C-alpha cells in the first residue's frame, strides 16, 4: 500500500479549510426586515419590494463549517531558520513535532467538515395572489466528511494497539432545484408560507467503513474490514487497474477513477419548506406587543436515485507497509498529487457492477426565532435564533443572539454572536435597498487568525454578498 493515507488526511483538511463555498443561508440576516432572501430561511417571510436577482450574484456566499481547520494540521516548522531551505510551516506529521502537540487540535469525538454550495441561476420575488411569491432555480451541492481521531493517531503514532476506522466516511450529492414559494397573512397576527421544490439529481456518492481496523501482527500492520462506495451518476463508469495484494498472493481490480462521458439525469425528487410567523398584538402584557415568534422547517423531502454503481472491498485482510513519506525542506515530497491513488489503496475497492437505485432524504433544517422590539426605540429589535440541521452523523446546532437596527426605510442591518456545534463566533449584516437596487453583505463567522496567503486557520468562516434589482 502506498504511503499517502497521511496525504489523504492532510488534503481533506487543507482543501476544506482553504475556503469552500457553502450555501447555508445568512442566519445573521434572519431578523433583517427587508433582506431579500429571508424566504430561504423561513417560507413565511415576504418583502416590501419586488426583486430580481443578478444571475450568480444575487446571493453569492463563501462559507466553511467544521471542527477541523488548517491550524489543527499545520505547525511552525522546527527546521525553519536552522536547515537551509526549510519552509516556515509544516504539517503535523513532521518528526520534530511531538505526538501530543500534533494531535492537540484533533477532536477525539470525531472531526466533521461540512460543505455546501448553491449557485443561484434565477431568483425572483414579487407581490401577488394575495401574498408574496418567489420563483428560484439554483444548483445545489452538499458534501460532508467525517475523520475519526484514530486516523490521525494512527498516521502519527502507529502504536502497538488496535485502531478502528468505522467513523471514517464521506457523503455528497448535487442537484438542480426549481422552487415556487408563496406566503400570506391568514390572520391579523399570523403569517404562513410554503415552498414546493422540484429536484433534478446530478450525482450522489457515499463512502463508508464496516469494522475497519488496523492491528500490529508481528512486525506487520494488517488491515481488516470492509469499505464500500456507492455512486449514482447516469452515464458514469468506474475505471479499474490490476493491483497486487500486499502480504498475500493474487491480484484484484482496484477502482482508481471515474469515466464521466454522456452524463445525464441521475434522479428526481421533491422538497418542501414550511414557515410561520406569529406577532403578539393587543396582548395582556403590553411589553410583549410587537414580539414575533417564528418557526421554519426547510428541505423536507427526498431524491430517488437510479443508475447505482457499487465498489466494495473483499473484506480479506491485507498488509499495510507503513507510511514512508519523504521529506524535502520540511514538506512532503509531491504534495497531494497521489491522493486518489493512495485512498484507492487504503480502501481496496473493486467494481461490483450496478446495484439497485436508492432514495435519500434531504438534510432538513429547523429554525425557531423570537424577535423583540425595543419599546422605547422602535428602530431597534433584538432576536434569538436557534437552528438545527438534521443530517445524521453530520448534524449540527447553532444559537444566535442579534441586535438589529433600521435607521432608514432603505437601510438596515445588525450584529450578533453565536454558539455553534463547532465554535463561538460573531456575525454582522448590512442591507441597502433603495428603490431600484439592493446590495447586501454580511458574515455569520468573522474571520480570525490567518496563515500563509491569508488562508483562515479556523474552519468556520463565511462571507455573503448580493446584488439585486429591486422596485
Protein backbone atom coordinates (compact mmCIF):
# COMPACT_ATOMS: atom_id res chain seq x y z
CA UNK A 1 0.00 0.00 0.00
CA UNK A 2 1.22 3.49 -0.80
CA UNK A 3 2.21 5.83 1.98
CA UNK A 4 -0.32 8.51 1.39
CA UNK A 5 -3.06 7.90 3.87
CA UNK A 6 -1.33 10.84 5.50
CA UNK A 7 -1.64 12.80 2.29
CA UNK A 8 -5.33 11.96 2.21
CA UNK A 9 -5.84 13.22 5.75
CA UNK A 10 -3.90 16.38 5.05
CA UNK A 11 -5.55 17.00 1.71
CA UNK A 12 -9.08 16.77 3.11
CA UNK A 13 -8.25 19.12 5.98
CA UNK A 14 -6.28 21.61 3.92
CA UNK A 15 -8.59 21.68 0.93
CA UNK A 16 -11.68 22.06 3.08
CA UNK A 17 -10.15 24.79 5.20
CA UNK A 18 -8.86 26.77 2.26
CA UNK A 19 -12.25 28.32 1.55
CA UNK A 20 -15.12 26.15 0.37
CA UNK A 21 -18.28 27.80 -0.95
CA UNK A 22 -21.11 26.97 1.36
CA UNK A 23 -24.69 27.79 0.67
CA UNK A 24 -26.21 27.78 4.05
CA UNK A 25 -28.29 30.93 4.30
CA UNK A 26 -27.08 34.03 6.14
CA UNK A 27 -28.55 33.47 9.61
CA UNK A 28 -27.28 36.92 10.64
CA UNK A 29 -29.99 38.38 8.37
CA UNK A 30 -32.92 36.34 9.70
CA UNK A 31 -34.34 39.35 11.59
CA UNK A 32 -33.36 41.99 8.99
CA UNK A 33 -36.78 43.03 7.76
CA UNK A 34 -36.17 43.60 4.06
CA UNK A 35 -33.37 41.11 3.42
CA UNK A 36 -34.47 39.73 0.07
CA UNK A 37 -33.59 36.08 0.80
CA UNK A 38 -35.28 35.70 4.18
CA UNK A 39 -37.77 33.39 2.44
CA UNK A 40 -34.92 30.86 2.03
CA UNK A 41 -34.72 30.67 5.83
CA UNK A 42 -38.45 30.85 6.59
CA UNK A 43 -41.03 30.39 3.83
CA UNK A 44 -43.46 32.72 5.65
CA UNK A 45 -41.26 35.78 5.19
CA UNK A 46 -42.02 38.23 2.40
CA UNK A 47 -40.59 41.55 1.23
CA UNK A 48 -41.90 45.07 0.64
CA UNK A 49 -40.23 45.17 -2.77
CA UNK A 50 -40.21 43.09 -5.90
CA UNK A 51 -36.70 41.87 -6.66
CA UNK A 52 -34.87 40.13 -9.49
CA UNK A 53 -31.50 38.59 -8.76
CA UNK A 54 -28.47 39.31 -10.87
CA UNK A 55 -27.54 35.77 -12.08
CA UNK A 56 -24.87 34.18 -9.84
CA UNK A 57 -24.53 37.47 -7.89
CA UNK A 58 -27.96 37.68 -6.30
CA UNK A 59 -26.88 35.71 -3.22
CA UNK A 60 -23.21 34.83 -3.51
CA UNK A 61 -21.74 33.24 -0.41
CA UNK A 62 -18.50 31.66 0.71
CA UNK A 63 -18.72 29.63 3.88
CA UNK A 64 -17.00 26.77 5.64
CA UNK A 65 -18.10 24.98 8.80
CA UNK A 66 -16.50 22.20 10.77
CA UNK A 67 -14.39 21.12 13.71
CA UNK A 68 -11.07 20.72 11.86
CA UNK A 69 -9.09 23.65 10.49
CA UNK A 70 -5.79 24.40 8.83
CA UNK A 71 -4.43 25.49 12.22
CA UNK A 72 -5.02 21.97 13.55
CA UNK A 73 -2.77 20.29 10.99
CA UNK A 74 -0.21 23.00 10.16
CA UNK A 75 2.56 23.96 12.58
CA UNK A 76 5.64 26.12 12.75
CA UNK A 77 8.45 24.14 11.13
CA UNK A 78 11.11 23.16 13.72
CA UNK A 79 13.68 23.24 10.89
CA UNK A 80 12.88 26.81 9.84
CA UNK A 81 15.91 29.04 10.28
CA UNK A 82 18.08 26.02 11.08
CA UNK A 83 18.12 23.93 7.93
CA UNK A 84 18.77 25.63 4.64
CA UNK A 85 15.64 25.89 2.51
CA UNK A 86 13.27 24.82 5.30
CA UNK A 87 9.83 26.38 4.97
CA UNK A 88 8.18 28.36 7.76
CA UNK A 89 5.27 25.95 8.23
CA UNK A 90 4.90 22.19 8.03
CA UNK A 91 2.28 19.55 8.77
CA UNK A 92 1.52 17.68 11.98
CA UNK A 93 3.45 14.72 10.52
CA UNK A 94 6.84 16.41 10.84
CA UNK A 95 9.07 14.17 13.01
CA UNK A 96 10.16 17.19 15.04
CA UNK A 97 6.61 17.81 16.29
CA UNK A 98 5.61 15.68 19.24
CA UNK A 99 2.55 13.47 19.04
CA UNK A 100 0.86 15.33 21.90
CA UNK A 101 1.28 18.68 20.13
CA UNK A 102 0.38 17.26 16.73
CA UNK A 103 -2.91 15.79 17.97
CA UNK A 104 -3.85 18.56 20.39
CA UNK A 105 -6.29 20.17 17.94
CA UNK A 106 -7.92 16.92 16.79
CA UNK A 107 -11.30 16.20 18.38
CA UNK A 108 -11.45 12.75 19.98
CA UNK A 109 -15.21 12.61 19.36
CA UNK A 110 -14.76 12.96 15.60
CA UNK A 111 -13.90 15.67 13.13
CA UNK A 112 -16.62 16.74 10.71
CA UNK A 113 -16.25 19.06 7.74
CA UNK A 114 -19.47 20.13 6.05
CA UNK A 115 -19.55 21.97 2.76
CA UNK A 116 -22.44 23.19 0.64
CA UNK A 117 -22.54 25.30 -2.47
CA UNK A 118 -25.52 26.99 -4.08
CA UNK A 119 -25.24 28.73 -7.42
CA UNK A 120 -28.32 30.93 -7.96
CA UNK A 121 -29.41 30.93 -11.59
CA UNK A 122 -32.80 32.63 -11.28
CA UNK A 123 -34.40 34.21 -8.21
CA UNK A 124 -37.46 36.45 -8.34
CA UNK A 125 -39.77 37.72 -5.60
CA UNK A 126 -42.98 39.71 -6.10
CA UNK A 127 -46.33 40.56 -4.51
CA UNK A 128 -49.47 38.99 -5.94
CA UNK A 129 -52.20 36.37 -5.48
CA UNK A 130 -52.94 37.79 -2.05
CA UNK A 131 -49.40 37.42 -0.71
CA UNK A 132 -45.72 37.27 -1.65
CA UNK A 133 -44.35 34.85 -4.24
CA UNK A 134 -40.91 33.55 -5.13
CA UNK A 135 -39.50 31.60 -8.06
CA UNK A 136 -36.00 30.18 -7.80
CA UNK A 137 -33.73 28.00 -9.91
CA UNK A 138 -30.38 27.06 -8.43
CA UNK A 139 -27.71 24.41 -8.46
CA UNK A 140 -27.04 22.87 -5.04
CA UNK A 141 -24.12 20.75 -3.91
CA UNK A 142 -23.69 19.14 -0.49
CA UNK A 143 -20.61 17.35 0.78
CA UNK A 144 -19.66 16.12 4.25
CA UNK A 145 -16.71 14.12 5.52
CA UNK A 146 -16.04 12.56 8.92
CA UNK A 147 -12.47 11.90 10.04
CA UNK A 148 -12.04 9.97 13.32
CA UNK A 149 -9.32 10.81 15.82
CA UNK A 150 -7.94 7.29 15.36
CA UNK A 151 -6.99 8.08 11.76
CA UNK A 152 -4.72 10.94 12.81
CA UNK A 153 -3.42 8.97 15.79
CA UNK A 154 -2.57 6.03 13.53
CA UNK A 155 -0.85 8.26 10.99
CA UNK A 156 1.28 9.99 13.63
CA UNK A 157 1.97 7.25 16.16
CA UNK A 158 1.30 3.75 14.80
CA UNK A 159 1.47 2.47 18.38
CA UNK A 160 1.03 -1.17 19.28
CA UNK A 161 -2.74 -1.09 19.69
CA UNK A 162 -5.89 -1.62 17.68
CA UNK A 163 -7.11 1.30 15.58
CA UNK A 164 -10.72 1.46 14.41
CA UNK A 165 -11.81 3.49 11.40
CA UNK A 166 -15.55 2.79 11.41
CA UNK A 167 -16.30 6.51 11.76
CA UNK A 168 -14.36 7.35 8.60
CA UNK A 169 -16.77 8.26 5.83
CA UNK A 170 -17.90 10.79 3.27
CA UNK A 171 -21.14 11.62 1.52
CA UNK A 172 -22.15 14.11 -1.12
CA UNK A 173 -24.72 14.95 -3.73
CA UNK A 174 -25.53 17.58 -6.34
CA UNK A 175 -28.87 18.52 -7.84
CA UNK A 176 -30.77 21.35 -9.52
CA UNK A 177 -33.67 22.85 -7.56
CA UNK A 178 -36.70 24.61 -9.05
CA UNK A 179 -38.79 26.17 -6.28
CA UNK A 180 -42.12 28.01 -6.11
CA UNK A 181 -42.98 29.78 -2.87
CA UNK A 182 -45.98 31.66 -1.52
CA UNK A 183 -46.63 33.37 1.82
CA UNK A 184 -49.61 35.32 3.08
CA UNK A 185 -51.27 36.82 6.13
CA UNK A 186 -54.08 34.48 7.20
CA UNK A 187 -54.91 36.31 10.45
CA UNK A 188 -54.12 39.76 11.72
CA UNK A 189 -51.23 38.34 13.74
CA UNK A 190 -50.32 35.15 11.84
CA UNK A 191 -48.44 34.77 8.56
CA UNK A 192 -47.68 31.41 6.94
CA UNK A 193 -45.80 30.26 3.88
CA UNK A 194 -44.70 27.23 1.91
CA UNK A 195 -42.31 26.48 -0.91
CA UNK A 196 -42.54 23.46 -3.20
CA UNK A 197 -39.29 22.38 -4.84
CA UNK A 198 -38.70 20.04 -7.76
CA UNK A 199 -35.29 18.38 -7.58
CA UNK A 200 -33.29 17.04 -10.52
CA UNK A 201 -30.45 14.82 -9.34
CA UNK A 202 -26.98 15.09 -10.82
CA UNK A 203 -24.97 12.71 -8.65
CA UNK A 204 -24.91 11.00 -5.25
CA UNK A 205 -21.89 9.36 -3.61
CA UNK A 206 -21.37 7.63 -0.28
CA UNK A 207 -18.21 6.09 1.23
CA UNK A 208 -18.44 4.03 4.43
CA UNK A 209 -16.33 1.65 6.51
CA UNK A 210 -17.58 -1.51 8.22
CA UNK A 211 -15.48 -2.88 11.10
CA UNK A 212 -12.30 -1.47 9.51
CA UNK A 213 -9.37 -1.98 11.89
CA UNK A 214 -5.58 -1.92 11.88
CA UNK A 215 -3.64 -4.36 14.08
CA UNK A 216 0.07 -4.99 14.55
CA UNK A 217 0.80 -8.68 13.97
CA UNK A 218 4.47 -9.44 14.46
CA UNK A 219 6.24 -6.66 12.63
CA UNK A 220 3.45 -6.04 10.11
CA UNK A 221 0.33 -3.91 10.17
CA UNK A 222 -2.76 -5.79 8.97
CA UNK A 223 -5.93 -4.01 7.90
CA UNK A 224 -9.23 -5.86 8.22
CA UNK A 225 -12.79 -4.88 7.46
CA UNK A 226 -14.82 -3.73 4.52
CA UNK A 227 -15.04 -0.47 2.64
CA UNK A 228 -17.95 0.35 0.37
CA UNK A 229 -18.56 3.15 -2.10
CA UNK A 230 -21.88 3.79 -3.82
CA UNK A 231 -22.24 6.17 -6.73
CA UNK A 232 -25.37 7.27 -8.56
CA UNK A 233 -24.38 9.18 -11.70
CA UNK A 234 -26.05 8.45 -15.02
CA UNK A 235 -23.53 7.77 -17.76
CA UNK A 236 -20.55 7.30 -15.40
CA UNK A 237 -18.44 4.17 -15.06
CA UNK A 238 -15.71 3.10 -12.66
CA UNK A 239 -12.20 2.79 -14.08
CA UNK A 240 -10.02 -0.02 -12.69
CA UNK A 241 -6.47 -1.31 -12.84
CA UNK A 242 -4.97 -4.61 -11.77
CA UNK A 243 -3.12 -4.40 -8.46
CA UNK A 244 -1.41 -6.97 -6.27
CA UNK A 245 -2.38 -7.63 -2.67
CA UNK A 246 0.22 -6.67 -0.10
CA UNK A 247 1.30 -9.56 2.08
CA UNK A 248 -0.58 -12.23 0.11
CA UNK A 249 -0.66 -13.76 -3.33
CA UNK A 250 -3.12 -12.76 -6.01
CA UNK A 251 -4.44 -9.68 -7.72
CA UNK A 252 -7.57 -7.60 -7.69
CA UNK A 253 -9.07 -4.95 -9.99
CA UNK A 254 -8.77 -1.75 -8.00
CA UNK A 255 -11.12 1.14 -8.70
CA UNK A 256 -8.89 4.11 -9.40
CA UNK A 257 -11.00 6.60 -11.32
CA UNK A 258 -14.25 7.51 -12.99
CA UNK A 259 -15.25 7.78 -16.63
CA UNK A 260 -17.87 10.54 -16.95
CA UNK A 261 -18.86 10.52 -20.62
CA UNK A 262 -22.50 11.16 -21.61
CA UNK A 263 -23.75 12.24 -18.20
CA UNK A 264 -27.50 12.62 -17.67
CA UNK A 265 -30.22 12.98 -15.06
CA UNK A 266 -29.48 10.59 -12.19
CA UNK A 267 -32.55 11.10 -10.06
CA UNK A 268 -35.68 13.05 -9.28
CA UNK A 269 -37.16 14.28 -6.03
CA UNK A 270 -39.42 16.68 -4.21
CA UNK A 271 -38.76 19.12 -1.40
CA UNK A 272 -40.90 21.31 0.83
CA UNK A 273 -40.24 24.36 3.01
CA UNK A 274 -42.79 25.40 5.64
CA UNK A 275 -42.86 28.52 7.80
CA UNK A 276 -45.00 30.56 10.18
CA UNK A 277 -44.65 33.91 11.99
CA UNK A 278 -46.88 34.92 14.90
CA UNK A 279 -46.91 38.50 16.20
CA UNK A 280 -48.26 39.45 19.63
CA UNK A 281 -50.81 42.29 19.21
CA UNK A 282 -53.02 43.89 21.88
CA UNK A 283 -51.65 41.35 24.32
CA UNK A 284 -52.49 41.48 28.03
CA UNK A 285 -48.83 42.20 28.75
CA UNK A 286 -48.18 45.49 26.96
CA UNK A 287 -44.44 44.96 26.95
CA UNK A 288 -44.88 41.90 24.69
CA UNK A 289 -46.71 43.82 21.95
CA UNK A 290 -44.83 43.58 18.68
CA UNK A 291 -42.89 40.47 19.69
CA UNK A 292 -42.68 37.92 16.87
CA UNK A 293 -42.23 34.17 17.20
CA UNK A 294 -41.32 32.22 14.07
CA UNK A 295 -40.82 28.58 13.12
CA UNK A 296 -39.46 27.14 9.89
CA UNK A 297 -38.80 23.66 8.52
CA UNK A 298 -36.72 23.61 5.34
CA UNK A 299 -35.69 20.87 2.91
CA UNK A 300 -38.25 18.30 3.92
CA UNK A 301 -38.07 15.80 1.10
CA UNK A 302 -36.18 13.18 -0.82
CA UNK A 303 -34.42 12.29 -4.05
CA UNK A 304 -34.79 8.90 -5.73
CA UNK A 305 -31.55 7.94 -7.45
CA UNK A 306 -31.09 5.45 -10.28
CA UNK A 307 -28.07 4.12 -12.17
CA UNK A 308 -26.36 2.92 -8.99
CA UNK A 309 -22.76 1.66 -9.12
CA UNK A 310 -21.15 -0.21 -6.24
CA UNK A 311 -17.48 -0.64 -5.40
CA UNK A 312 -16.56 -2.79 -2.42
CA UNK A 313 -13.54 -4.36 -0.82
CA UNK A 314 -13.37 -8.12 -0.40
CA UNK A 315 -13.05 -7.96 3.36
CA UNK A 316 -9.90 -10.11 3.25
CA UNK A 317 -7.02 -8.87 5.44
CA UNK A 318 -4.08 -7.20 3.72
CA UNK A 319 -0.73 -5.89 4.83
CA UNK A 320 -0.12 -2.19 5.35
CA UNK A 321 3.55 -1.48 4.78
CA UNK A 322 3.70 1.77 6.71
CA UNK A 323 3.98 5.46 5.98
CA UNK A 324 7.16 6.37 4.17
CA UNK A 325 6.56 9.94 3.16
CA UNK A 326 9.73 11.58 2.05
CA UNK A 327 10.57 14.99 3.47
CA UNK A 328 12.20 17.71 1.44
CA UNK A 329 12.82 21.08 3.12
CA UNK A 330 10.24 20.27 5.78
CA UNK A 331 7.49 19.42 3.32
CA UNK A 332 6.11 16.18 1.94
CA UNK A 333 7.51 15.48 -1.49
CA UNK A 334 4.96 15.65 -4.31
CA UNK A 335 2.34 17.22 -2.01
CA UNK A 336 -1.08 15.72 -2.64
CA UNK A 337 -0.53 14.56 -6.21
CA UNK A 338 -1.12 10.91 -5.30
CA UNK A 339 -4.14 11.40 -3.07
CA UNK A 340 -6.53 9.49 -5.31
CA UNK A 341 -4.19 6.52 -5.71
CA UNK A 342 -3.45 6.41 -2.00
CA UNK A 343 -7.09 6.45 -0.98
CA UNK A 344 -7.81 3.70 -3.50
CA UNK A 345 -5.03 1.58 -2.00
CA UNK A 346 -6.36 2.10 1.52
CA UNK A 347 -9.93 1.14 0.62
CA UNK A 348 -9.06 -1.77 -1.74
CA UNK A 349 -12.28 -1.16 -3.68
CA UNK A 350 -13.32 -3.42 -6.54
CA UNK A 351 -16.04 -2.70 -9.09
CA UNK A 352 -19.09 -4.82 -8.22
CA UNK A 353 -21.23 -3.64 -11.12
CA UNK A 354 -24.61 -1.99 -10.96
CA UNK A 355 -26.82 -2.10 -7.91
CA UNK A 356 -30.41 -1.11 -7.29
CA UNK A 357 -31.39 2.54 -7.03
CA UNK A 358 -31.89 4.23 -3.68
CA UNK A 359 -33.86 7.04 -2.10
CA UNK A 360 -32.15 9.54 0.18
CA UNK A 361 -33.66 12.16 2.46
CA UNK A 362 -32.56 15.76 2.18
CA UNK A 363 -30.63 17.36 5.03
CA UNK A 364 -33.54 19.17 6.69
CA UNK A 365 -33.12 22.35 8.75
CA UNK A 366 -35.30 23.68 11.58
CA UNK A 367 -35.26 27.30 12.77
CA UNK A 368 -37.02 28.78 15.79
CA UNK A 369 -36.83 32.54 16.23
CA UNK A 370 -38.01 35.17 18.71
CA UNK A 371 -37.77 38.89 17.87
CA UNK A 372 -38.40 41.60 20.47
CA UNK A 373 -38.75 45.31 19.51
CA UNK A 374 -37.20 47.84 21.86
CA UNK A 375 -40.24 49.63 23.41
CA UNK A 376 -38.51 52.99 23.77
CA UNK A 377 -36.95 53.00 20.27
CA UNK A 378 -38.75 51.07 17.53
CA UNK A 379 -35.82 51.18 15.12
CA UNK A 380 -34.01 48.54 17.22
CA UNK A 381 -35.02 44.92 17.75
CA UNK A 382 -33.33 42.01 19.46
CA UNK A 383 -33.53 38.49 18.10
CA UNK A 384 -32.75 34.98 19.29
CA UNK A 385 -32.48 32.29 16.61
CA UNK A 386 -31.99 28.56 17.13
CA UNK A 387 -31.01 26.44 14.13
CA UNK A 388 -30.59 22.67 13.84
CA UNK A 389 -29.51 20.71 10.76
CA UNK A 390 -30.77 17.10 10.63
CA UNK A 391 -28.03 15.26 8.75
CA UNK A 392 -27.17 12.07 10.63
CA UNK A 393 -23.52 12.00 11.66
CA UNK A 394 -23.13 15.46 10.17
CA UNK A 395 -25.90 17.20 12.14
CA UNK A 396 -25.16 20.49 13.87
CA UNK A 397 -26.83 23.10 16.09
CA UNK A 398 -26.49 26.87 16.41
CA UNK A 399 -27.86 29.54 18.76
CA UNK A 400 -27.54 33.18 17.63
CA UNK A 401 -28.36 36.38 19.59
CA UNK A 402 -28.63 39.53 17.49
CA UNK A 403 -29.23 43.28 17.74
CA UNK A 404 -30.86 44.69 14.61
CA UNK A 405 -31.07 48.35 13.58
CA UNK A 406 -33.14 50.07 10.88
CA UNK A 407 -32.19 53.78 10.89
CA UNK A 408 -33.76 54.47 7.47
CA UNK A 409 -36.52 52.90 5.40
CA UNK A 410 -33.91 51.77 2.83
CA UNK A 411 -31.11 50.76 5.23
CA UNK A 412 -30.98 48.06 7.89
CA UNK A 413 -28.57 45.55 9.38
CA UNK A 414 -27.26 44.18 12.64
CA UNK A 415 -24.59 42.47 14.68
CA UNK A 416 -24.77 39.18 16.56
CA UNK A 417 -22.93 36.48 18.41
CA UNK A 418 -23.44 32.73 18.11
CA UNK A 419 -22.58 29.47 19.81
CA UNK A 420 -22.47 26.52 17.41
CA UNK A 421 -21.57 22.84 17.49
CA UNK A 422 -18.15 23.88 16.23
CA UNK A 423 -17.26 27.27 17.73
CA UNK A 424 -18.28 30.55 19.36
CA UNK A 425 -18.29 33.38 16.87
CA UNK A 426 -19.67 36.79 15.85
CA UNK A 427 -21.52 37.94 12.75
CA UNK A 428 -22.92 41.03 11.05
CA UNK A 429 -25.03 42.10 8.08
CA UNK A 430 -25.61 45.35 6.16
CA UNK A 431 -28.59 45.61 3.79
CA UNK A 432 -29.10 48.58 1.44
CA UNK A 433 -32.37 48.58 -0.51
CA UNK A 434 -33.45 51.90 -2.04
CA UNK A 435 -35.87 51.79 -4.96
CA UNK A 436 -34.15 50.33 -8.00
CA UNK A 437 -31.46 48.24 -6.38
CA UNK A 438 -30.47 46.08 -3.45
CA UNK A 439 -26.98 45.28 -2.26
CA UNK A 440 -26.13 43.41 0.92
CA UNK A 441 -23.12 41.88 2.58
CA UNK A 442 -22.57 40.01 5.81
CA UNK A 443 -20.79 37.27 7.72
CA UNK A 444 -22.07 34.59 10.07
CA UNK A 445 -18.50 33.82 11.14
CA UNK A 446 -15.87 36.52 11.49
CA UNK A 447 -12.50 35.59 10.02
CA UNK A 448 -9.96 35.04 12.78
CA UNK A 449 -6.25 34.36 12.57
CA UNK A 450 -4.96 33.61 9.09
CA UNK A 451 -1.89 31.84 7.81
CA UNK A 452 0.07 31.99 4.58
CA UNK A 453 -1.78 33.56 1.63
CA UNK A 454 -4.45 34.79 4.10
CA UNK A 455 -5.90 31.27 4.46
CA UNK A 456 -8.04 31.15 7.66
CA UNK A 457 -6.61 28.81 10.28
CA UNK A 458 -10.08 28.10 11.65
CA UNK A 459 -12.60 26.07 9.64
CA UNK A 460 -15.53 28.40 10.44
CA UNK A 461 -15.58 31.40 8.13
CA UNK A 462 -18.15 32.98 5.85
CA UNK A 463 -18.87 35.94 3.63
CA UNK A 464 -22.13 36.79 1.85
CA UNK A 465 -22.70 39.32 -0.89
CA UNK A 466 -25.75 40.00 -3.03
CA UNK A 467 -26.72 42.32 -5.88
CA UNK A 468 -30.35 42.51 -6.99
CA UNK A 469 -32.68 44.75 -8.93
CA UNK A 470 -35.45 45.97 -6.60
CA UNK A 471 -38.56 48.04 -7.31
